[in-house]
Amino acid sequence: MLSFGIIIFAVNKAIDYYSFITIEKQMMEKADLSELSFREVLAQHRSSTGEPQTKEIVRLALEKLKASGKEVRIYDSSKQLLGLAVDGIIINDGKPLIFEKNIEKALSGSYAYTVTEDHLLYFATPIQDQYYQNAYVYEFVEDISYFYAIMDQIRYILFAGAGGFIVLITLSSLWIARNTTKPIKLLLGAAQSFSRQEFRRVHLNRKDELGMLADGLDSMGRQLHDYIQYQKQFVSNVSHELKTPLAAIRGFSQYLYEGEENKELQKIYAHLLQESDRLTRLINELLLLSRFDKAGSNKLEVEKTEMNELIQQVATSMGAKAKDKGIEIMFREAEAEPEDKLLTRVHANVNPMLMSHAIANLVDNAIKYSGSPSLIELMLEHTPSEVVIRIRDQGIGIAGDELERVQERFYRAKNASTANGSGLGLSICKEIVERFNGYIDMESQIGEGTTVTIVLPRA
């Protein structure tokens, strides 16, 4: 009885944990959409000096987001409440219950939430300004009582069904054990082999239910064997690899605090605005790519793109981040052809935004896994039919037996713990390149560095 009680307790905890993951994911998606709306307000309402109009922004943001939760709050970087809406109505002098730890964690750059005893969920997310600093915190309150009610119903159905199932299985097992011990052992051995992915034929010379079960098990084994050869992990692409463009913008932002002359600051501001626009477009392109991936479509808007210019832009945008780490990025353009002595034009039919993201992602990996000082080389080569892009670093390298797996979703090499990552970067690069009928090849040695080669058809 004690063991049974422990099992029930463990199952209860598992149901709570895995069910709440769904709620947490929904809240994150909702927070991401609200953050985009808030950032639209930030982008559209700045004073002539370039500084945000805080009161006006808060008012407009509340008007836009007031219906997104039971309560909606906006805080500044000093944890002061700037605006409050309750049940879709803006409250000017409200004094709501505030969880300061939520606000502090959000200001540090992470999602934060608290669930109260009356089943109210307080979810906070950071809002960044044009300098990509956490200037505001957006918090909404959701009543999730319905969630707990559903979970109670599921528990009741689950345990009632499990109890009935246990009784049925016990009675059936007693009867089967008396009549079919040997065939069951054979089937059990086959099932255990399948669990180890050791598939073998299963056959019983019987025409009863056990014979049918053996035939079904044999068919399942063959189908599993075929499926494993082509299986693909299910990936939720709501959260995408955005660290690379954010790192580029952040790198250039640092110059604003280093006392450069006004002319240089203006250039940097212009570049920041350009990168912001690029990031917005990139998000849309990645969402489009995700939809294509789910639908199995190969259609994607492409254009004839000059690759020297595209790679030079990536090298420039990543230069600040590399310099901060004591790493030099060197770009070597494609050699001029005989009929084109002054300027080499190497074109490929790609989507410029996605292609630059893929290359920047690979350069970002090279920076993350390289020490100081070191060199990252970007080289563009070409043949009459192909465009070849090489990114070579002097980093920690990848073991030979892991080279084929590092492009799988969520897979990280054993020595990748030296830097933060999601394990999605290379898989996204691979999908992007394959959309343009290209492929990625990797060569690496532990302690000596890695060379990643992108091969695309030449336009």
Protein backbone atom coordinates (compact mmCIF):
# COMPACT_ATOMS: atom_id res chain seq x y z
CA MET A 1 0.00 0.00 0.00
CA LEU A 2 2.86 2.35 0.78
CA SER A 3 4.41 1.71 -2.64
CA PHE A 4 1.05 2.32 -4.32
CA GLY A 5 0.69 5.60 -2.42
CA ILE A 6 4.16 6.67 -3.54
CA ILE A 7 3.26 5.86 -7.15
CA ILE A 8 0.07 7.92 -6.93
CA PHE A 9 2.03 10.83 -5.42
CA ALA A 10 4.66 10.60 -8.15
CA VAL A 11 2.02 10.43 -10.90
CA ASN A 12 0.26 13.46 -9.42
CA LYS A 13 3.49 15.41 -9.42
CA ALA A 14 4.26 14.33 -12.99
CA ILE A 15 0.79 15.42 -14.17
CA ASP A 16 1.21 18.81 -12.48
CA TYR A 17 4.70 19.28 -13.92
CA TYR A 18 4.09 18.26 -17.51
CA SER A 19 0.67 19.89 -17.66
CA PHE A 20 1.97 23.18 -16.33
CA ILE A 21 4.64 23.18 -19.05
CA THR A 22 1.78 23.73 -21.52
CA ILE A 23 0.49 26.72 -19.56
CA GLU A 24 4.02 28.11 -19.26
CA LYS A 25 4.56 27.74 -23.00
CA GLN A 26 1.27 29.50 -23.77
CA MET A 27 2.16 32.35 -21.45
CA MET A 28 5.59 32.71 -23.12
CA GLU A 29 3.95 32.87 -26.55
CA LYS A 30 1.48 35.46 -25.28
CA ALA A 31 4.33 37.45 -23.70
CA ASP A 32 6.29 37.36 -26.97
CA LEU A 33 3.30 38.72 -28.92
CA SER A 34 2.73 41.43 -26.32
CA GLU A 35 6.44 42.31 -26.40
CA LEU A 36 6.26 42.80 -30.19
CA SER A 37 3.26 45.11 -29.74
CA PHE A 38 5.07 47.05 -27.00
CA ARG A 39 8.19 47.40 -29.16
CA GLU A 40 6.06 48.72 -32.03
CA VAL A 41 4.86 51.46 -29.70
CA LEU A 42 8.48 52.17 -28.65
CA ALA A 43 9.62 52.36 -32.27
CA GLN A 44 6.82 54.69 -33.38
CA HIS A 45 6.84 57.18 -30.51
CA ARG A 46 10.14 58.85 -29.84
CA SER A 47 10.81 62.56 -29.37
CA SER A 48 12.82 64.62 -31.83
CA THR A 49 15.95 64.01 -29.73
CA GLY A 50 15.57 60.27 -30.13
CA GLU A 51 14.52 59.68 -26.50
CA PRO A 52 11.30 57.74 -25.77
CA GLN A 53 8.25 59.64 -24.47
CA THR A 54 7.66 57.50 -21.39
CA LYS A 55 4.18 58.65 -20.37
CA GLU A 56 2.85 58.56 -23.91
CA ILE A 57 4.41 55.15 -24.54
CA VAL A 58 2.90 53.71 -21.36
CA ARG A 59 -0.52 55.11 -22.22
CA LEU A 60 -0.45 53.77 -25.78
CA ALA A 61 0.96 50.42 -24.67
CA LEU A 62 -1.82 50.03 -22.08
CA GLU A 63 -4.44 50.95 -24.68
CA LYS A 64 -3.05 48.29 -26.98
CA LEU A 65 -2.50 45.57 -24.36
CA LYS A 66 -5.16 46.26 -21.72
CA ALA A 67 -7.33 43.36 -22.84
CA SER A 68 -4.48 40.82 -22.90
CA GLY A 69 -5.03 39.71 -19.31
CA LYS A 70 -7.14 40.04 -16.19
CA GLU A 71 -4.63 42.69 -15.14
CA VAL A 72 -1.88 44.38 -17.15
CA ARG A 73 1.00 46.29 -15.55
CA ILE A 74 3.99 48.22 -16.89
CA TYR A 75 7.04 48.95 -14.75
CA ASP A 76 10.20 50.95 -15.41
CA SER A 77 13.80 49.85 -14.78
CA SER A 78 13.50 51.16 -11.19
CA LYS A 79 10.63 48.71 -10.51
CA GLN A 80 8.16 51.60 -10.31
CA LEU A 81 4.62 50.92 -11.52
CA LEU A 82 3.98 53.18 -14.54
CA GLY A 83 0.60 51.90 -15.69
CA LEU A 84 -2.18 49.49 -14.68
CA ALA A 85 -5.24 48.08 -16.43
CA VAL A 86 -7.81 45.82 -14.74
CA ASP A 87 -10.38 43.87 -16.77
CA GLY A 88 -9.62 46.03 -19.81
CA ILE A 89 -10.00 49.34 -17.91
CA ILE A 90 -7.00 51.61 -17.27
CA ILE A 91 -6.62 52.44 -13.56
CA ASN A 92 -4.70 55.60 -12.72
CA ASP A 93 -4.21 55.26 -8.94
CA GLY A 94 -4.32 51.51 -8.43
CA LYS A 95 -2.21 49.71 -5.81
CA PRO A 96 -2.03 46.10 -7.04
CA LEU A 97 -0.26 43.18 -5.42
CA ILE A 98 3.34 43.30 -6.71
CA PHE A 99 5.88 40.48 -6.69
CA GLU A 100 9.21 42.31 -6.70
CA LYS A 101 11.21 39.16 -7.41
CA ASN A 102 9.29 38.77 -10.66
CA ILE A 103 10.17 42.31 -11.68
CA GLU A 104 13.83 41.90 -10.70
CA LYS A 105 14.17 38.68 -12.68
CA ALA A 106 12.49 40.23 -15.71
CA LEU A 107 14.83 43.23 -15.58
CA SER A 108 17.72 40.78 -15.67
CA GLY A 109 16.44 39.57 -19.04
CA SER A 110 14.38 36.46 -18.23
CA TYR A 111 10.74 35.49 -18.06
CA ALA A 112 9.38 35.36 -14.49
CA TYR A 113 6.10 34.24 -13.04
CA THR A 114 4.37 33.47 -9.75
CA VAL A 115 1.19 31.47 -9.10
CA THR A 116 -0.82 32.45 -6.02
CA GLU A 117 -2.97 30.20 -3.84
CA ASP A 118 -6.11 31.52 -5.52
CA HIS A 119 -4.70 30.31 -8.88
CA LEU A 120 -3.74 33.68 -10.31
CA LEU A 121 -0.63 33.64 -12.51
CA TYR A 122 1.55 36.77 -12.54
CA PHE A 123 3.77 36.65 -15.66
CA ALA A 124 6.48 39.27 -16.26
CA THR A 125 8.68 39.77 -19.33
CA PRO A 126 11.37 42.38 -20.10
CA ILE A 127 10.90 45.05 -22.75
CA GLN A 128 14.08 46.39 -24.35
CA ASP A 129 14.60 49.94 -25.62
CA GLN A 130 16.40 50.90 -28.84
CA TYR A 131 19.74 50.24 -27.13
CA TYR A 132 18.64 46.71 -26.26
CA GLN A 133 18.65 47.48 -22.56
CA ASN A 134 15.83 46.20 -20.34
CA ALA A 135 14.02 49.50 -19.85
CA TYR A 136 10.52 48.27 -19.02
CA VAL A 137 8.76 45.24 -17.60
CA TYR A 138 5.39 44.13 -18.97
CA GLU A 139 3.36 41.96 -16.58
CA PHE A 140 -0.05 40.40 -17.07
CA VAL A 141 -2.25 38.42 -14.69
CA GLU A 142 -4.17 35.33 -15.76
CA ASP A 143 -6.78 33.38 -13.80
CA ILE A 144 -5.84 29.72 -14.35
CA SER A 145 -8.45 28.17 -12.08
CA TYR A 146 -9.85 26.42 -15.13
CA PHE A 147 -6.50 24.68 -15.57
CA TYR A 148 -6.56 23.18 -12.08
CA ALA A 149 -10.19 22.11 -12.54
CA ILE A 150 -9.29 20.30 -15.75
CA MET A 151 -6.31 18.64 -14.07
CA ASP A 152 -8.57 17.35 -11.26
CA GLN A 153 -10.91 15.85 -13.83
CA ILE A 154 -7.99 14.26 -15.69
CA ARG A 155 -6.68 12.76 -12.45
CA TYR A 156 -10.07 11.30 -11.65
CA ILE A 157 -10.44 9.77 -15.11
CA LEU A 158 -6.83 8.59 -15.17
CA PHE A 159 -6.89 6.86 -11.79
CA ALA A 160 -10.36 5.42 -12.32
CA GLY A 161 -9.29 4.08 -15.69
CA ALA A 162 -5.98 2.86 -14.31
CA GLY A 163 -7.77 1.01 -11.50
CA GLY A 164 -10.12 -0.69 -13.90
CA PHE A 165 -7.29 -1.46 -16.26
CA ILE A 166 -5.22 -3.02 -13.47
CA VAL A 167 -8.09 -5.27 -12.43
CA LEU A 168 -8.71 -6.33 -16.02
CA ILE A 169 -5.02 -6.96 -16.70
CA THR A 170 -4.65 -8.97 -13.49
CA LEU A 171 -7.53 -11.30 -14.36
CA SER A 172 -6.40 -11.61 -17.95
CA SER A 173 -2.83 -12.29 -16.95
CA LEU A 174 -3.85 -15.12 -14.66
CA TRP A 175 -5.70 -16.82 -17.49
CA ILE A 176 -2.98 -16.18 -20.09
CA ALA A 177 -0.21 -17.34 -17.77
CA ARG A 178 -1.87 -20.74 -17.41
CA ASN A 179 -2.27 -21.31 -21.12
CA THR A 180 0.36 -19.34 -23.05
CA THR A 181 3.52 -18.95 -20.99
CA LYS A 182 5.97 -19.97 -23.68
CA PRO A 183 4.56 -17.82 -26.56
CA ILE A 184 4.37 -14.82 -24.25
CA LYS A 185 8.01 -15.23 -23.34
CA LEU A 186 8.81 -15.24 -27.03
CA LEU A 187 6.79 -12.08 -27.61
CA LEU A 188 8.27 -10.45 -24.52
CA GLY A 189 11.76 -11.20 -25.78
CA ALA A 190 10.88 -9.66 -29.13
CA ALA A 191 9.47 -6.53 -27.45
CA GLN A 192 12.61 -6.16 -25.36
CA SER A 193 14.70 -6.46 -28.51
CA PHE A 194 12.60 -3.74 -30.16
CA SER A 195 13.21 -1.45 -27.16
CA ARG A 196 16.94 -1.80 -27.88
CA GLN A 197 16.27 -1.14 -31.59
CA GLU A 198 17.26 -4.71 -32.42
CA PHE A 199 14.56 -5.70 -34.88
CA ARG A 200 14.04 -9.32 -35.87
CA ARG A 201 11.23 -11.29 -37.40
CA VAL A 202 8.53 -12.55 -35.02
CA HIS A 203 6.47 -15.55 -36.03
CA LEU A 204 4.21 -17.99 -34.19
CA ASN A 205 2.65 -20.89 -36.04
CA ARG A 206 -0.75 -20.17 -34.51
CA LYS A 207 -4.06 -18.84 -35.80
CA ASP A 208 -5.42 -17.56 -32.50
CA GLU A 209 -5.03 -14.15 -30.87
CA LEU A 210 -1.41 -14.82 -29.96
CA GLY A 211 -0.65 -15.59 -33.57
CA MET A 212 -2.33 -12.33 -34.60
CA LEU A 213 -0.36 -10.51 -31.92
CA ALA A 214 2.86 -12.00 -33.24
CA ASP A 215 1.99 -10.89 -36.77
CA GLY A 216 1.12 -7.41 -35.49
CA LEU A 217 4.34 -7.21 -33.52
CA ASP A 218 6.30 -8.31 -36.55
CA SER A 219 4.61 -5.64 -38.70
CA MET A 220 5.21 -2.99 -36.03
CA GLY A 221 8.88 -3.94 -35.85
CA ARG A 222 9.32 -3.50 -39.59
CA GLN A 223 7.52 -0.18 -39.56
CA LEU A 224 9.60 1.06 -36.61
CA HIS A 225 12.77 0.01 -38.41
CA ASP A 226 11.77 2.04 -41.49
CA TYR A 227 10.58 4.97 -39.38
CA ILE A 228 13.79 5.23 -37.38
CA GLN A 229 15.72 5.64 -40.61
CA TYR A 230 13.75 8.79 -41.46
CA GLN A 231 12.61 10.07 -38.08
CA LYS A 232 12.78 13.73 -37.25
CA GLN A 233 12.52 15.24 -33.83
CA PHE A 234 9.46 17.34 -33.25
CA VAL A 235 10.63 20.90 -32.71
CA SER A 236 8.59 23.89 -31.60
CA ASN A 237 10.02 26.78 -33.64
CA VAL A 238 8.23 29.50 -31.63
CA SER A 239 11.57 30.39 -30.12
CA HIS A 240 14.21 30.92 -32.87
CA GLU A 241 17.92 31.54 -32.98
CA LEU A 242 17.98 35.34 -32.57
CA LYS A 243 21.17 35.71 -30.56
CA THR A 244 23.35 36.44 -33.58
CA PRO A 245 21.65 39.66 -34.83
CA LEU A 246 21.08 40.76 -31.24
CA ALA A 247 24.76 40.27 -30.52
CA ALA A 248 25.67 42.35 -33.58
CA ILE A 249 23.41 45.21 -32.48
CA ARG A 250 24.67 44.95 -28.91
CA GLY A 251 28.26 45.07 -30.13
CA PHE A 252 27.72 48.30 -32.03
CA SER A 253 25.76 49.73 -29.11
CA GLN A 254 28.85 49.55 -26.95
CA TYR A 255 30.45 52.24 -29.05
CA LEU A 256 27.80 54.68 -27.82
CA TYR A 257 29.34 54.50 -24.36
CA GLU A 258 32.97 54.82 -25.38
CA GLY A 259 33.00 58.55 -26.08
CA GLU A 260 33.22 58.53 -29.87
CA GLU A 261 32.74 61.72 -31.89
CA ASN A 262 29.27 62.74 -33.00
CA LYS A 263 29.84 61.85 -36.63
CA GLU A 264 30.77 58.33 -35.71
CA LEU A 265 27.81 58.10 -33.34
CA GLN A 266 25.47 59.05 -36.15
CA LYS A 267 26.86 56.26 -38.30
CA ILE A 268 26.42 53.80 -35.46
CA TYR A 269 22.86 54.98 -34.84
CA ALA A 270 22.10 54.47 -38.51
CA HIS A 271 23.58 51.01 -38.39
CA LEU A 272 21.56 50.16 -35.28
CA LEU A 273 18.36 51.19 -37.00
CA GLN A 274 19.32 49.11 -40.04
CA GLU A 275 20.02 46.07 -37.85
CA SER A 276 16.72 46.56 -36.03
CA ASP A 277 14.85 46.51 -39.31
CA ARG A 278 16.84 43.46 -40.39
CA LEU A 279 15.95 41.66 -37.18
CA THR A 280 12.25 42.38 -37.62
CA ARG A 281 12.31 41.08 -41.17
CA LEU A 282 14.36 38.10 -40.04
CA ILE A 283 11.72 37.11 -37.48
CA ASN A 284 9.08 37.14 -40.19
CA GLU A 285 11.27 35.09 -42.51
CA LEU A 286 11.99 32.51 -39.80
CA LEU A 287 8.31 32.15 -39.03
CA LEU A 288 7.69 31.68 -42.73
CA LEU A 289 10.45 29.07 -42.87
CA SER A 290 8.89 27.29 -39.91
CA ARG A 291 5.54 27.10 -41.68
CA PHE A 292 7.21 25.74 -44.80
CA ASP A 293 9.00 23.15 -42.71
CA LYS A 294 5.75 21.91 -41.18
CA ALA A 295 3.97 21.92 -44.53
CA GLY A 296 6.86 20.23 -46.32
CA SER A 297 6.99 23.01 -48.90
CA ASN A 298 10.14 24.12 -50.69
CA LYS A 299 8.74 27.44 -51.87
CA LEU A 300 10.60 30.49 -50.61
CA GLU A 301 11.08 33.96 -52.03
CA VAL A 302 14.59 34.25 -53.45
CA GLU A 303 16.47 36.84 -55.46
CA LYS A 304 19.75 37.04 -57.28
CA THR A 305 22.15 38.21 -54.56
CA GLU A 306 25.76 39.40 -54.77
CA MET A 307 27.56 37.21 -52.25
CA ASN A 308 30.73 39.32 -51.75
CA GLU A 309 28.63 42.20 -50.48
CA LEU A 310 26.41 39.98 -48.33
CA ILE A 311 29.35 38.27 -46.59
CA GLN A 312 31.15 41.62 -46.11
CA GLN A 313 28.07 42.97 -44.31
CA VAL A 314 28.01 39.95 -42.03
CA ALA A 315 31.74 40.26 -41.27
CA THR A 316 31.29 43.95 -40.44
CA SER A 317 28.24 43.37 -38.23
CA MET A 318 30.02 40.62 -36.25
CA GLY A 319 33.29 42.53 -35.97
CA ALA A 320 32.46 44.34 -32.73
CA LYS A 321 31.55 41.15 -30.89
CA ALA A 322 34.70 39.43 -32.11
CA LYS A 323 36.88 42.41 -31.16
CA ASP A 324 35.49 42.41 -27.61
CA LYS A 325 36.78 38.85 -27.28
CA GLY A 326 40.16 39.59 -28.84
CA ILE A 327 39.32 37.83 -32.11
CA GLU A 328 39.99 39.15 -35.60
CA ILE A 329 37.59 38.49 -38.48
CA MET A 330 39.23 38.49 -41.90
CA PHE A 331 37.18 38.33 -45.10
CA ARG A 332 38.79 37.29 -48.35
CA GLU A 333 36.71 38.11 -51.41
CA ALA A 334 36.45 35.88 -54.44
CA GLU A 335 39.20 36.43 -57.00
CA ALA A 336 38.29 38.47 -60.05
CA GLU A 337 37.60 36.70 -63.29
CA PRO A 338 39.61 37.61 -66.42
CA GLU A 339 36.79 39.67 -67.94
CA ASP A 340 36.11 41.43 -64.62
CA LYS A 341 39.41 42.87 -63.41
CA LEU A 342 38.05 45.73 -61.30
CA LEU A 343 35.13 44.09 -59.52
CA THR A 344 34.13 40.50 -58.92
CA ARG A 345 30.45 39.70 -58.96
CA VAL A 346 29.47 36.31 -57.56
CA HIS A 347 25.73 35.75 -57.43
CA ALA A 348 23.47 33.08 -55.95
CA ASN A 349 19.70 32.77 -55.87
CA VAL A 350 18.97 33.08 -52.14
CA ASN A 351 16.86 34.97 -49.68
CA PRO A 352 19.38 37.62 -48.49
CA MET A 353 17.93 37.93 -45.00
CA LEU A 354 17.93 34.20 -44.28
CA MET A 355 21.28 33.61 -45.96
CA SER A 356 23.00 36.39 -43.99
CA HIS A 357 21.43 34.94 -40.83
CA ALA A 358 22.87 31.50 -41.60
CA ILE A 359 26.38 32.88 -42.22
CA ALA A 360 26.20 35.14 -39.15
CA ASN A 361 25.12 32.16 -37.07
CA LEU A 362 28.18 30.19 -38.15
CA VAL A 363 30.46 33.17 -37.45
CA ASP A 364 28.83 33.59 -34.04
CA ASN A 365 29.56 29.93 -33.27
CA ALA A 366 33.17 30.46 -34.29
CA ILE A 367 33.40 33.43 -31.91
CA LYS A 368 31.77 31.57 -29.02
CA TYR A 369 34.07 28.57 -29.26
CA SER A 370 37.34 30.40 -29.99
CA GLY A 371 39.86 31.72 -27.51
CA SER A 372 41.77 35.00 -27.46
CA PRO A 373 43.71 35.91 -29.48
CA SER A 374 42.66 34.04 -32.59
CA LEU A 375 41.55 34.53 -36.20
CA ILE A 376 38.29 33.75 -37.99
CA GLU A 377 38.55 33.62 -41.77
CA LEU A 378 35.63 34.13 -44.13
CA MET A 379 36.46 33.08 -47.68
CA LEU A 380 34.37 33.25 -50.84
CA GLU A 381 35.32 31.00 -53.72
CA HIS A 382 33.49 30.11 -56.91
CA THR A 383 33.39 27.79 -59.85
CA PRO A 384 31.33 28.16 -63.02
CA SER A 385 28.48 26.31 -61.29
CA GLU A 386 28.97 26.80 -57.52
CA VAL A 387 29.48 29.43 -54.84
CA VAL A 388 31.62 28.21 -51.93
CA ILE A 389 31.67 30.03 -48.57
CA ARG A 390 34.15 28.89 -45.92
CA ILE A 391 34.20 29.93 -42.26
CA ARG A 392 37.40 28.77 -40.57
CA ASP A 393 38.21 29.29 -36.88
CA GLN A 394 40.95 28.31 -34.44
CA GLY A 395 38.57 27.22 -31.68
CA ILE A 396 38.06 24.15 -29.55
CA GLY A 397 37.01 21.91 -32.44
CA ILE A 398 34.51 19.07 -32.66
CA ALA A 399 35.19 15.36 -32.24
CA GLY A 400 35.04 13.34 -35.47
CA ASP A 401 32.25 11.07 -34.25
CA GLU A 402 30.06 14.10 -33.50
CA LEU A 403 30.45 16.00 -36.78
CA GLU A 404 27.43 14.37 -38.39
CA ARG A 405 25.22 14.91 -35.34
CA VAL A 406 25.94 18.58 -34.56
CA GLN A 407 23.54 19.63 -37.32
CA GLU A 408 20.68 17.76 -35.64
CA ARG A 409 18.16 19.83 -33.73
CA PHE A 410 19.03 20.31 -30.06
CA TYR A 411 22.21 18.24 -30.28
CA ARG A 412 25.27 19.84 -28.65
CA ALA A 413 28.80 18.47 -28.78
CA LYS A 414 30.28 17.14 -25.56
CA ASN A 415 32.73 20.04 -25.28
CA ALA A 416 30.10 22.70 -26.13
CA SER A 417 29.50 23.51 -22.46
CA THR A 418 32.17 26.21 -22.70
CA ALA A 419 29.52 28.53 -24.18
CA ASN A 420 25.78 28.94 -23.94
CA GLY A 421 23.62 27.64 -26.76
CA SER A 422 20.35 25.92 -27.61
CA GLY A 423 21.60 23.33 -30.07
CA LEU A 424 19.38 24.83 -32.79
CA GLY A 425 21.83 27.15 -34.55
CA LEU A 426 23.48 24.67 -36.90
CA SER A 427 20.22 22.88 -37.67
CA ILE A 428 18.61 26.22 -38.68
CA CYS A 429 21.64 27.01 -40.87
CA LYS A 430 21.36 23.59 -42.49
CA GLU A 431 17.66 24.05 -43.23
CA ILE A 432 18.22 27.53 -44.67
CA VAL A 433 21.04 26.41 -46.97
CA GLU A 434 19.10 23.36 -48.15
CA ARG A 435 16.16 25.60 -49.05
CA PHE A 436 18.42 27.17 -51.68
CA ASN A 437 19.53 23.77 -53.04
CA GLY A 438 22.84 23.92 -51.22
CA TYR A 439 24.52 21.91 -48.49
CA ILE A 440 26.86 22.34 -45.51
CA ASP A 441 30.08 20.38 -44.99
CA MET A 442 32.16 20.45 -41.79
CA GLU A 443 35.75 19.56 -40.99
CA SER A 444 37.19 19.80 -37.50
CA GLN A 445 39.89 18.64 -35.14
CA ILE A 446 39.82 18.91 -31.37
CA GLY A 447 41.99 21.81 -30.21
CA GLU A 448 42.78 23.04 -33.72
CA GLY A 449 39.54 24.53 -34.99
CA THR A 450 36.64 23.99 -37.36
CA THR A 451 35.98 24.75 -41.00
CA VAL A 452 32.37 25.04 -42.14
CA THR A 453 31.76 25.08 -45.89
CA ILE A 454 28.54 26.27 -47.52
CA VAL A 455 28.07 25.24 -51.15
CA LEU A 456 25.33 26.92 -53.21
CA PRO A 457 24.42 26.78 -56.91
CA ARG A 458 25.77 29.82 -58.71
CA ALA A 459 23.22 32.13 -60.34
